[in-house]
PDB file of N, CA and C in Angstrom:
ATOM      1  N   MET A   1     120.741 -99.841  -2.833  1.00  0.00           N
ATOM      2  CA  MET A   1     119.837 -98.994  -2.064  1.00  0.00           C
ATOM      3  C   MET A   1     120.645 -97.995  -1.247  1.00  0.00           C
ATOM      4  N   SER A   2     120.135 -96.836  -1.109  1.00  0.00           N
ATOM      5  CA  SER A   2     120.789 -95.777  -0.365  1.00  0.00           C
ATOM      6  C   SER A   2     120.808 -96.094   1.123  1.00  0.00           C
ATOM      7  N   SER A   3     121.864 -95.637   1.773  1.00  0.00           N
ATOM      8  CA  SER A   3     121.938 -95.803   3.220  1.00  0.00           C
ATOM      9  C   SER A   3     121.269 -94.644   3.943  1.00  0.00           C
ATOM     10  N   LEU A   4     120.764 -93.688   3.202  1.00  0.00           N
ATOM     11  CA  LEU A   4     120.163 -92.515   3.793  1.00  0.00           C
ATOM     12  C   LEU A   4     118.755 -92.848   4.291  1.00  0.00           C
ATOM     13  N   ASN A   5     118.537 -92.736   5.575  1.00  0.00           N
ATOM     14  CA  ASN A   5     117.204 -92.955   6.133  1.00  0.00           C
ATOM     15  C   ASN A   5     117.099 -92.253   7.478  1.00  0.00           C
ATOM     16  N   LYS A   6     115.938 -92.330   8.085  1.00  0.00           N
ATOM     17  CA  LYS A   6     115.690 -91.596   9.333  1.00  0.00           C
ATOM     18  C   LYS A   6     116.543 -92.110  10.499  1.00  0.00           C
ATOM     19  N   ARG A   7     116.816 -93.412  10.541  1.00  0.00           N
ATOM     20  CA  ARG A   7     117.582 -93.958  11.650  1.00  0.00           C
ATOM     21  C   ARG A   7     119.084 -93.755  11.481  1.00  0.00           C
ATOM     22  N   ASN A   8     119.551 -93.601  10.249  1.00  0.00           N
ATOM     23  CA  ASN A   8     120.981 -93.490   9.973  1.00  0.00           C
ATOM     24  C   ASN A   8     121.225 -92.305   9.047  1.00  0.00           C
ATOM     25  N   PRO A   9     121.110 -91.075   9.608  1.00  0.00           N
ATOM     26  CA  PRO A   9     121.282 -89.915   8.743  1.00  0.00           C
ATOM     27  C   PRO A   9     122.712 -89.821   8.227  1.00  0.00           C
ATOM     28  N   GLY A  10     122.872 -89.238   7.079  1.00  0.00           N
ATOM     29  CA  GLY A  10     124.192 -89.074   6.489  1.00  0.00           C
ATOM     30  C   GLY A  10     124.297 -89.828   5.188  1.00  0.00           C
ATOM     31  N   PHE A  11     125.450 -89.733   4.606  1.00  0.00           N
ATOM     32  CA  PHE A  11     125.686 -90.363   3.318  1.00  0.00           C
ATOM     33  C   PHE A  11     126.719 -91.472   3.452  1.00  0.00           C
ATOM     34  N   HIS A  12     126.473 -92.564   2.810  1.00  0.00           N
ATOM     35  CA  HIS A  12     127.421 -93.662   2.698  1.00  0.00           C
ATOM     36  C   HIS A  12     128.413 -93.261   1.608  1.00  0.00           C
ATOM     37  N   PRO A  13     129.659 -93.740   1.653  1.00  0.00           N
ATOM     38  CA  PRO A  13     130.613 -93.386   0.591  1.00  0.00           C
ATOM     39  C   PRO A  13     130.088 -93.669  -0.821  1.00  0.00           C
ATOM     40  N   SER A  14     129.348 -94.739  -1.000  1.00  0.00           N
ATOM     41  CA  SER A  14     128.808 -95.025  -2.334  1.00  0.00           C
ATOM     42  C   SER A  14     127.751 -93.997  -2.750  1.00  0.00           C
ATOM     43  N   ASP A  15     127.028 -93.440  -1.771  1.00  0.00           N
ATOM     44  CA  ASP A  15     126.065 -92.372  -2.062  1.00  0.00           C
ATOM     45  C   ASP A  15     126.804 -91.131  -2.563  1.00  0.00           C
ATOM     46  N   LEU A  16     127.896 -90.798  -1.879  1.00  0.00           N
ATOM     47  CA  LEU A  16     128.689 -89.632  -2.275  1.00  0.00           C
ATOM     48  C   LEU A  16     129.287 -89.824  -3.664  1.00  0.00           C
ATOM     49  N   GLN A  17     129.742 -91.026  -3.954  1.00  0.00           N
ATOM     50  CA  GLN A  17     130.307 -91.320  -5.274  1.00  0.00           C
ATOM     51  C   GLN A  17     129.244 -91.171  -6.358  1.00  0.00           C
ATOM     52  N   LEU A  18     128.049 -91.646  -6.087  1.00  0.00           N
ATOM     53  CA  LEU A  18     126.948 -91.518  -7.042  1.00  0.00           C
ATOM     54  C   LEU A  18     126.637 -90.051  -7.296  1.00  0.00           C
ATOM     55  N   CYS A  19     126.506 -89.271  -6.238  1.00  0.00           N
ATOM     56  CA  CYS A  19     126.205 -87.840  -6.386  1.00  0.00           C
ATOM     57  C   CYS A  19     127.330 -87.131  -7.135  1.00  0.00           C
ATOM     58  N   GLN A  20     128.574 -87.507  -6.869  1.00  0.00           N
ATOM     59  CA  GLN A  20     129.712 -86.897  -7.561  1.00  0.00           C
ATOM     60  C   GLN A  20     129.675 -87.199  -9.051  1.00  0.00           C
ATOM     61  N   ARG A  21     129.373 -88.454  -9.409  1.00  0.00           N
ATOM     62  CA  ARG A  21     129.291 -88.819 -10.827  1.00  0.00           C
ATOM     63  C   ARG A  21     128.207 -88.013 -11.537  1.00  0.00           C
ATOM     64  N   VAL A  22     127.054 -87.875 -10.893  1.00  0.00           N
ATOM     65  CA  VAL A  22     125.951 -87.118 -11.493  1.00  0.00           C
ATOM     66  C   VAL A  22     126.344 -85.650 -11.623  1.00  0.00           C
ATOM     67  N   PHE A  23     126.896 -85.085 -10.579  1.00  0.00           N
ATOM     68  CA  PHE A  23     127.335 -83.689 -10.602  1.00  0.00           C
ATOM     69  C   PHE A  23     128.334 -83.459 -11.734  1.00  0.00           C
ATOM     70  N   ASP A  24     129.343 -84.323 -11.831  1.00  0.00           N
ATOM     71  CA  ASP A  24     130.363 -84.179 -12.866  1.00  0.00           C
ATOM     72  C   ASP A  24     129.754 -84.294 -14.263  1.00  0.00           C
ATOM     73  N   ARG A  25     128.846 -85.217 -14.435  1.00  0.00           N
ATOM     74  CA  ARG A  25     128.218 -85.426 -15.747  1.00  0.00           C
ATOM     75  C   ARG A  25     127.379 -84.220 -16.154  1.00  0.00           C
ATOM     76  N   VAL A  26     126.587 -83.704 -15.221  1.00  0.00           N
ATOM     77  CA  VAL A  26     125.743 -82.547 -15.532  1.00  0.00           C
ATOM     78  C   VAL A  26     126.618 -81.316 -15.786  1.00  0.00           C
ATOM     79  N   CYS A  27     127.679 -81.154 -15.011  1.00  0.00           N
ATOM     80  CA  CYS A  27     128.609 -80.046 -15.267  1.00  0.00           C
ATOM     81  C   CYS A  27     129.170 -80.143 -16.676  1.00  0.00           C
ATOM     82  N   SER A  28     129.577 -81.325 -17.059  1.00  0.00           N
ATOM     83  CA  SER A  28     130.137 -81.534 -18.392  1.00  0.00           C
ATOM     84  C   SER A  28     129.105 -81.194 -19.467  1.00  0.00           C
ATOM     85  N   GLU A  29     127.896 -81.679 -19.301  1.00  0.00           N
ATOM     86  CA  GLU A  29     126.839 -81.431 -20.281  1.00  0.00           C
ATOM     87  C   GLU A  29     126.491 -79.946 -20.386  1.00  0.00           C
ATOM     88  N   ARG A  30     126.593 -79.245 -19.264  1.00  0.00           N
ATOM     89  CA  ARG A  30     126.250 -77.812 -19.254  1.00  0.00           C
ATOM     90  C   ARG A  30     127.471 -76.915 -19.429  1.00  0.00           C
ATOM     91  N   LYS A  31     128.624 -77.546 -19.640  1.00  0.00           N
ATOM     92  CA  LYS A  31     129.880 -76.828 -19.824  1.00  0.00           C
ATOM     93  C   LYS A  31     130.201 -75.924 -18.639  1.00  0.00           C
ATOM     94  N   LEU A  32     130.034 -76.485 -17.439  1.00  0.00           N
ATOM     95  CA  LEU A  32     130.366 -75.792 -16.198  1.00  0.00           C
ATOM     96  C   LEU A  32     131.644 -76.393 -15.620  1.00  0.00           C
ATOM     97  N   ASP A  33     132.445 -75.566 -14.977  1.00  0.00           N
ATOM     98  CA  ASP A  33     133.647 -76.042 -14.304  1.00  0.00           C
ATOM     99  C   ASP A  33     133.239 -76.567 -12.927  1.00  0.00           C
ATOM    100  N   PRO A  34     133.361 -77.879 -12.689  1.00  0.00           N
ATOM    101  CA  PRO A  34     132.912 -78.428 -11.406  1.00  0.00           C
ATOM    102  C   PRO A  34     133.689 -77.902 -10.203  1.00  0.00           C
ATOM    103  N   LYS A  35     134.859 -77.333 -10.418  1.00  0.00           N
ATOM    104  CA  LYS A  35     135.665 -76.796  -9.311  1.00  0.00           C
ATOM    105  C   LYS A  35     135.395 -75.308  -9.064  1.00  0.00           C
ATOM    106  N   SER A  36     134.532 -74.734  -9.865  1.00  0.00           N
ATOM    107  CA  SER A  36     134.209 -73.316  -9.752  1.00  0.00           C
ATOM    108  C   SER A  36     133.356 -73.050  -8.512  1.00  0.00           C
ATOM    109  N   SER A  37     133.476 -71.835  -7.995  1.00  0.00           N
ATOM    110  CA  SER A  37     132.617 -71.430  -6.873  1.00  0.00           C
ATOM    111  C   SER A  37     131.460 -70.555  -7.359  1.00  0.00           C
ATOM    112  N   GLU A  38     131.229 -70.570  -8.673  1.00  0.00           N
ATOM    113  CA  GLU A  38     130.120 -69.802  -9.244  1.00  0.00           C
ATOM    114  C   GLU A  38     128.785 -70.276  -8.656  1.00  0.00           C
ATOM    115  N   PRO A  39     127.824 -69.372  -8.502  1.00  0.00           N
ATOM    116  CA  PRO A  39     126.522 -69.745  -7.936  1.00  0.00           C
ATOM    117  C   PRO A  39     125.825 -70.884  -8.683  1.00  0.00           C
ATOM    118  N   ASP A  40     125.921 -70.914 -10.005  1.00  0.00           N
ATOM    119  CA  ASP A  40     125.265 -71.990 -10.762  1.00  0.00           C
ATOM    120  C   ASP A  40     125.821 -73.358 -10.388  1.00  0.00           C
ATOM    121  N   VAL A  41     127.113 -73.434 -10.183  1.00  0.00           N
ATOM    122  CA  VAL A  41     127.753 -74.702  -9.831  1.00  0.00           C
ATOM    123  C   VAL A  41     127.374 -75.096  -8.403  1.00  0.00           C
ATOM    124  N   GLN A  42     127.350 -74.141  -7.505  1.00  0.00           N
ATOM    125  CA  GLN A  42     126.956 -74.421  -6.122  1.00  0.00           C
ATOM    126  C   GLN A  42     125.504 -74.875  -6.050  1.00  0.00           C
ATOM    127  N   ARG A  43     124.634 -74.216  -6.820  1.00  0.00           N
ATOM    128  CA  ARG A  43     123.222 -74.620  -6.847  1.00  0.00           C
ATOM    129  C   ARG A  43     123.061 -76.026  -7.396  1.00  0.00           C
ATOM    130  N   LEU A  44     123.826 -76.335  -8.431  1.00  0.00           N
ATOM    131  CA  LEU A  44     123.769 -77.665  -9.019  1.00  0.00           C
ATOM    132  C   LEU A  44     124.156 -78.722  -7.984  1.00  0.00           C
ATOM    133  N   ALA A  45     125.239 -78.497  -7.268  1.00  0.00           N
ATOM    134  CA  ALA A  45     125.667 -79.452  -6.245  1.00  0.00           C
ATOM    135  C   ALA A  45     124.587 -79.627  -5.177  1.00  0.00           C
ATOM    136  N   ALA A  46     124.026 -78.532  -4.719  1.00  0.00           N
ATOM    137  CA  ALA A  46     122.972 -78.596  -3.700  1.00  0.00           C
ATOM    138  C   ALA A  46     121.745 -79.339  -4.228  1.00  0.00           C
ATOM    139  N   THR A  47     121.418 -79.126  -5.495  1.00  0.00           N
ATOM    140  CA  THR A  47     120.257 -79.789  -6.088  1.00  0.00           C
ATOM    141  C   THR A  47     120.475 -81.292  -6.205  1.00  0.00           C
ATOM    142  N   VAL A  48     121.679 -81.697  -6.591  1.00  0.00           N
ATOM    143  CA  VAL A  48     121.974 -83.131  -6.681  1.00  0.00           C
ATOM    144  C   VAL A  48     121.735 -83.792  -5.324  1.00  0.00           C
ATOM    145  N   PHE A  49     122.287 -83.205  -4.257  1.00  0.00           N
ATOM    146  CA  PHE A  49     122.103 -83.784  -2.926  1.00  0.00           C
ATOM    147  C   PHE A  49     120.648 -83.738  -2.485  1.00  0.00           C
ATOM    148  N   SER A  50     119.971 -82.650  -2.770  1.00  0.00           N
ATOM    149  CA  SER A  50     118.563 -82.527  -2.387  1.00  0.00           C
ATOM    150  C   SER A  50     117.701 -83.590  -3.068  1.00  0.00           C
ATOM    151  N   LEU A  51     117.904 -83.761  -4.365  1.00  0.00           N
ATOM    152  CA  LEU A  51     117.143 -84.785  -5.091  1.00  0.00           C
ATOM    153  C   LEU A  51     117.448 -86.181  -4.524  1.00  0.00           C
ATOM    154  N   PHE A  52     118.710 -86.442  -4.247  1.00  0.00           N
ATOM    155  CA  PHE A  52     119.090 -87.741  -3.695  1.00  0.00           C
ATOM    156  C   PHE A  52     118.384 -87.972  -2.349  1.00  0.00           C
ATOM    157  N   GLU A  53     118.419 -86.969  -1.500  1.00  0.00           N
ATOM    158  CA  GLU A  53     117.778 -87.077  -0.182  1.00  0.00           C
ATOM    159  C   GLU A  53     116.264 -87.255  -0.294  1.00  0.00           C
ATOM    160  N   ASN A  54     115.686 -86.806  -1.403  1.00  0.00           N
ATOM    161  CA  ASN A  54     114.241 -86.883  -1.585  1.00  0.00           C
ATOM    162  C   ASN A  54     113.805 -88.050  -2.459  1.00  0.00           C
ATOM    163  N   GLY A  55     114.667 -89.051  -2.579  1.00  0.00           N
ATOM    164  CA  GLY A  55     114.237 -90.286  -3.194  1.00  0.00           C
ATOM    165  C   GLY A  55     114.779 -90.614  -4.564  1.00  0.00           C
ATOM    166  N   TYR A  56     115.492 -89.706  -5.191  1.00  0.00           N
ATOM    167  CA  TYR A  56     116.118 -90.019  -6.478  1.00  0.00           C
ATOM    168  C   TYR A  56     117.407 -90.768  -6.153  1.00  0.00           C
ATOM    169  N   SER A  57     117.291 -92.092  -6.021  1.00  0.00           N
ATOM    170  CA  SER A  57     118.393 -92.844  -5.436  1.00  0.00           C
ATOM    171  C   SER A  57     119.253 -93.609  -6.431  1.00  0.00           C
ATOM    172  N   ASN A  58     119.010 -93.416  -7.722  1.00  0.00           N
ATOM    173  CA  ASN A  58     119.925 -94.058  -8.658  1.00  0.00           C
ATOM    174  C   ASN A  58     120.367 -93.044  -9.712  1.00  0.00           C
ATOM    175  N   GLU A  59     121.469 -93.371 -10.349  1.00  0.00           N
ATOM    176  CA  GLU A  59     122.113 -92.443 -11.274  1.00  0.00           C
ATOM    177  C   GLU A  59     121.203 -92.045 -12.430  1.00  0.00           C
ATOM    178  N   ALA A  60     120.499 -92.997 -12.994  1.00  0.00           N
ATOM    179  CA  ALA A  60     119.622 -92.710 -14.135  1.00  0.00           C
ATOM    180  C   ALA A  60     118.517 -91.731 -13.744  1.00  0.00           C
ATOM    181  N   GLU A  61     117.906 -91.937 -12.585  1.00  0.00           N
ATOM    182  CA  GLU A  61     116.848 -91.021 -12.132  1.00  0.00           C
ATOM    183  C   GLU A  61     117.389 -89.616 -11.937  1.00  0.00           C
ATOM    184  N   LEU A  62     118.534 -89.525 -11.302  1.00  0.00           N
ATOM    185  CA  LEU A  62     119.115 -88.209 -11.053  1.00  0.00           C
ATOM    186  C   LEU A  62     119.453 -87.506 -12.362  1.00  0.00           C
ATOM    187  N   LEU A  63     120.130 -88.202 -13.259  1.00  0.00           N
ATOM    188  CA  LEU A  63     120.486 -87.590 -14.538  1.00  0.00           C
ATOM    189  C   LEU A  63     119.241 -87.183 -15.311  1.00  0.00           C
ATOM    190  N   ASP A  64     118.232 -88.029 -15.311  1.00  0.00           N
ATOM    191  CA  ASP A  64     116.994 -87.723 -16.019  1.00  0.00           C
ATOM    192  C   ASP A  64     116.335 -86.460 -15.467  1.00  0.00           C
ATOM    193  N   SER A  65     116.421 -86.259 -14.164  1.00  0.00           N
ATOM    194  CA  SER A  65     115.789 -85.083 -13.560  1.00  0.00           C
ATOM    195  C   SER A  65     116.407 -83.785 -14.063  1.00  0.00           C
ATOM    196  N   PHE A  66     117.668 -83.829 -14.474  1.00  0.00           N
ATOM    197  CA  PHE A  66     118.324 -82.635 -15.010  1.00  0.00           C
ATOM    198  C   PHE A  66     118.133 -82.469 -16.512  1.00  0.00           C
ATOM    199  N   ARG A  67     117.696 -83.516 -17.163  1.00  0.00           N
ATOM    200  CA  ARG A  67     117.531 -83.490 -18.618  1.00  0.00           C
ATOM    201  C   ARG A  67     116.107 -83.165 -19.032  1.00  0.00           C
ATOM    202  N   ARG A  68     115.162 -83.318 -18.133  1.00  0.00           N
ATOM    203  CA  ARG A  68     113.764 -83.018 -18.441  1.00  0.00           C
ATOM    204  C   ARG A  68     113.570 -81.517 -18.561  1.00  0.00           C
ATOM    205  N   PRO A  69     112.737 -81.109 -19.511  1.00  0.00           N
ATOM    206  CA  PRO A  69     112.465 -79.664 -19.631  1.00  0.00           C
ATOM    207  C   PRO A  69     111.776 -79.139 -18.364  1.00  0.00           C
ATOM    208  N   ARG A  70     112.180 -77.972 -17.950  1.00  0.00           N
ATOM    209  CA  ARG A  70     111.559 -77.326 -16.786  1.00  0.00           C
ATOM    210  C   ARG A  70     110.221 -76.727 -17.198  1.00  0.00           C
ATOM    211  N   GLN A  71     109.247 -76.815 -16.300  1.00  0.00           N
ATOM    212  CA  GLN A  71     107.917 -76.282 -16.609  1.00  0.00           C
ATOM    213  C   GLN A  71     107.686 -74.991 -15.888  1.00  0.00           C
TER     214      GLN A  71
END
């Protein structure tokens, strides 16, 4: 379970590791350089954290959110 909640704002190291794994995986799948400062890469990083903060708290959910077709 995520340590992110109203009483304890912030990320636990395991939360950061999870977000990093998802970010790296999506970058790889989209052939993006994760160390790039390109806007697409920055948006991707922000989206990973945003989804995590909004309840996508496991790796499978996060990865699935990037694989679903956009409507």
